[in-house]
Amino acid sequence: MFLKVSVITNNEAILQIIFNTSSLFCKKTLIFAPDYGVFTMIQRIQTIYLLFVVLISGLLPFWVNLWSDANGAEVYASNEILISVAFYGSAVLALIGILLFKKRKNQFVINRLNLLLNLFLLGFFVYRSLNLSGDTSVSEKGIGMLIPVISIVFLVLANRAIKKDEDLVKSVDRLR
């Protein structure tokens, strides 16, 4: 009995297993073609940037404090419903952006919506920090107020990479 395994890498990986028996000389072919789109998605740098946004917006605001109230108690995103919804919305939009890796224009639009949401969060935090009484010895602003800034930086980097990919595809189409 003879077993031959070969992998062909076109748009999708096809695993061909061909069994040959010398007495009957019959061939049986089994084709196994799983979806390897996940591997192409991870190879793109904008996926890494968007994954950082998912982790930063989805997890970090619930571990670091945003500010301290008048009593000195630390306020986290889980204490404020609208802020936690906005952070979860940013994480979900980034996750949708990751999953739209084959539709670059839609991914770009989703990232712009996510940018607007993070700018709204940043504006709310600036307004909140200007209304908080703070002194040089006692600071009531938390490090969590910088989370939208970090998310905005990664979203801008992801949009630049998406635009670069889109320009590359357009230039290849022009050459055809």
Protein backbone atom coordinates (compact mmCIF):
# COMPACT_ATOMS: atom_id res chain seq x y z
CA MET A 1 0.00 0.00 0.00
CA PHE A 2 1.28 3.42 -0.96
CA LEU A 3 0.34 6.66 0.81
CA LYS A 4 1.04 9.99 -0.82
CA VAL A 5 0.31 13.28 0.96
CA SER A 6 0.74 16.57 -0.83
CA VAL A 7 -0.31 20.08 0.13
CA ILE A 8 -1.28 22.58 -2.52
CA THR A 9 -1.44 26.20 -1.37
CA ASN A 10 -3.55 28.27 -3.71
CA ASN A 11 -6.32 30.34 -2.19
CA GLU A 12 -7.15 27.51 0.16
CA ALA A 13 -5.09 24.58 1.37
CA ILE A 14 -6.12 21.23 -0.03
CA LEU A 15 -4.83 18.10 1.52
CA GLN A 16 -4.91 15.24 -0.93
CA ILE A 17 -4.50 11.71 0.28
CA ILE A 18 -4.16 9.20 -2.52
CA PHE A 19 -4.19 5.51 -1.76
CA ASN A 20 -2.76 3.18 -4.38
CA THR A 21 -2.87 -0.59 -4.14
CA SER A 22 -0.59 -2.48 -6.45
CA SER A 23 -2.97 -5.39 -7.05
CA LEU A 24 -6.06 -3.44 -8.04
CA PHE A 25 -4.42 -0.13 -8.92
CA CYS A 26 -7.38 1.85 -7.64
CA LYS A 27 -7.06 5.43 -6.52
CA LYS A 28 -9.14 7.04 -3.84
CA THR A 29 -8.83 10.76 -3.20
CA LEU A 30 -9.91 12.49 -0.03
CA ILE A 31 -9.97 16.26 -0.18
CA PHE A 32 -9.85 18.15 3.08
CA ALA A 33 -10.18 21.94 2.69
CA PRO A 34 -10.63 23.83 5.95
CA ASP A 35 -10.96 27.61 5.97
CA TYR A 36 -7.50 29.08 6.50
CA GLY A 37 -8.78 32.68 6.41
CA VAL A 38 -7.83 33.11 10.05
CA PHE A 39 -4.15 32.69 9.24
CA THR A 40 -4.22 35.36 6.52
CA MET A 41 -6.08 37.64 8.88
CA ILE A 42 -3.41 37.36 11.60
CA GLN A 43 -0.59 38.04 9.15
CA ARG A 44 -1.84 41.57 8.55
CA ILE A 45 -0.52 44.26 10.91
CA GLN A 46 -3.88 46.02 11.19
CA THR A 47 -5.28 42.89 12.81
CA ILE A 48 -2.65 43.16 15.53
CA TYR A 49 -3.46 46.84 16.04
CA LEU A 50 -7.18 46.10 16.25
CA LEU A 51 -6.53 43.23 18.64
CA PHE A 52 -4.71 45.68 20.90
CA VAL A 53 -7.75 47.97 20.76
CA VAL A 54 -10.03 45.05 21.70
CA LEU A 55 -7.85 44.20 24.69
CA ILE A 56 -7.31 47.81 25.77
CA SER A 57 -10.96 48.85 25.45
CA GLY A 58 -12.50 45.59 26.61
CA LEU A 59 -10.36 44.77 29.63
CA LEU A 60 -8.18 47.65 30.79
CA PRO A 61 -10.89 50.14 31.89
CA PHE A 62 -12.18 47.61 34.38
CA TRP A 63 -8.76 47.11 36.03
CA VAL A 64 -7.41 50.67 36.21
CA ASN A 65 -9.28 53.54 37.81
CA LEU A 66 -10.64 56.39 35.73
CA TRP A 67 -10.83 58.98 38.52
CA SER A 68 -11.46 59.35 42.22
CA ASP A 69 -14.63 60.91 43.55
CA ALA A 70 -14.91 63.51 46.32
CA ASN A 71 -14.75 60.82 49.02
CA GLY A 72 -11.52 59.40 47.63
CA ALA A 73 -13.13 56.23 46.27
CA GLU A 74 -11.76 55.10 42.94
CA VAL A 75 -14.21 55.03 40.04
CA TYR A 76 -13.83 52.26 37.47
CA ALA A 77 -15.65 51.82 34.16
CA SER A 78 -17.86 49.17 35.74
CA ASN A 79 -19.25 51.80 38.13
CA GLU A 80 -20.53 54.01 35.31
CA ILE A 81 -22.98 52.29 32.94
CA LEU A 82 -22.62 54.65 29.97
CA ILE A 83 -18.82 54.59 30.12
CA SER A 84 -18.71 50.80 30.30
CA VAL A 85 -21.14 50.57 27.36
CA ALA A 86 -18.93 52.95 25.37
CA PHE A 87 -15.80 50.92 26.17
CA TYR A 88 -17.54 47.66 25.29
CA GLY A 89 -18.85 49.27 22.10
CA SER A 90 -15.31 50.25 21.16
CA ALA A 91 -14.09 46.70 21.77
CA VAL A 92 -16.96 45.23 19.75
CA LEU A 93 -16.36 47.63 16.85
CA ALA A 94 -12.67 46.69 16.84
CA LEU A 95 -13.62 43.01 16.84
CA ILE A 96 -16.00 43.58 13.93
CA GLY A 97 -13.15 45.40 12.18
CA ILE A 98 -10.95 42.35 12.65
CA LEU A 99 -13.60 40.05 11.22
CA LEU A 100 -14.08 42.28 8.15
CA PHE A 101 -10.54 41.60 6.95
CA LYS A 102 -11.69 40.65 3.45
CA LYS A 103 -13.71 43.86 3.02
CA ARG A 104 -11.13 46.57 3.55
CA LYS A 105 -13.43 49.51 2.79
CA ASN A 106 -15.98 48.36 5.36
CA GLN A 107 -13.17 47.72 7.84
CA PHE A 108 -11.95 51.29 7.29
CA VAL A 109 -15.46 52.71 7.92
CA ILE A 110 -15.92 50.63 11.08
CA ASN A 111 -12.56 51.86 12.37
CA ARG A 112 -13.59 55.46 11.71
CA LEU A 113 -16.79 54.90 13.71
CA ASN A 114 -14.64 53.46 16.47
CA LEU A 115 -12.42 56.55 16.28
CA LEU A 116 -15.48 58.76 16.75
CA LEU A 117 -16.60 56.72 19.75
CA ASN A 118 -13.15 56.99 21.34
CA LEU A 119 -13.04 60.73 20.63
CA PHE A 120 -16.42 61.02 22.38
CA LEU A 121 -15.00 59.11 25.36
CA LEU A 122 -11.91 61.32 25.38
CA GLY A 123 -14.06 64.46 25.26
CA PHE A 124 -16.16 63.17 28.15
CA PHE A 125 -13.04 62.44 30.19
CA VAL A 126 -11.58 65.91 29.46
CA TYR A 127 -14.86 67.51 30.50
CA ARG A 128 -14.96 65.36 33.62
CA SER A 129 -11.35 66.16 34.53
CA LEU A 130 -11.93 69.90 34.11
CA ASN A 131 -14.91 69.70 36.47
CA LEU A 132 -13.05 67.64 39.08
CA SER A 133 -11.29 69.64 41.73
CA GLY A 134 -7.66 68.71 41.76
CA ASP A 135 -4.66 70.00 43.61
CA THR A 136 -0.96 69.52 43.03
CA SER A 137 -0.66 67.33 46.11
CA VAL A 138 -3.82 65.28 45.54
CA SER A 139 -4.64 64.18 42.00
CA GLU A 140 -8.09 62.80 41.34
CA LYS A 141 -7.52 61.92 37.72
CA GLY A 142 -6.76 58.28 37.07
CA ILE A 143 -4.57 56.66 34.46
CA GLY A 144 -7.67 55.11 32.88
CA MET A 145 -8.51 58.44 31.28
CA LEU A 146 -5.71 57.81 28.79
CA ILE A 147 -7.26 54.59 27.47
CA PRO A 148 -9.16 56.36 24.64
CA VAL A 149 -5.92 58.09 23.57
CA ILE A 150 -4.11 54.76 23.31
CA SER A 151 -7.06 53.27 21.41
CA ILE A 152 -7.11 56.23 19.02
CA VAL A 153 -3.40 55.78 18.28
CA PHE A 154 -3.86 52.09 17.45
CA LEU A 155 -6.98 52.79 15.36
CA VAL A 156 -5.11 55.42 13.33
CA LEU A 157 -2.25 52.96 12.77
CA ALA A 158 -4.74 50.29 11.69
CA ASN A 159 -6.44 52.68 9.27
CA ARG A 160 -3.08 53.62 7.77
CA ALA A 161 -2.28 49.94 7.23
CA ILE A 162 -5.71 49.29 5.70
CA LYS A 163 -5.26 52.26 3.37
CA LYS A 164 -1.81 50.96 2.40
CA ASP A 165 -3.30 47.52 1.56
CA GLU A 166 -6.10 49.12 -0.44
CA ASP A 167 -3.62 51.21 -2.43
CA LEU A 168 -1.53 48.10 -3.12
CA VAL A 169 -4.58 46.23 -4.43
CA LYS A 170 -5.53 49.18 -6.63
CA SER A 171 -2.02 49.39 -8.07
CA VAL A 172 -2.03 45.68 -8.87
CA ASP A 173 -5.42 46.04 -10.58
CA ARG A 174 -4.05 48.86 -12.73
CA LEU A 175 -1.22 46.65 -13.98
CA ARG A 176 -3.59 43.97 -15.26
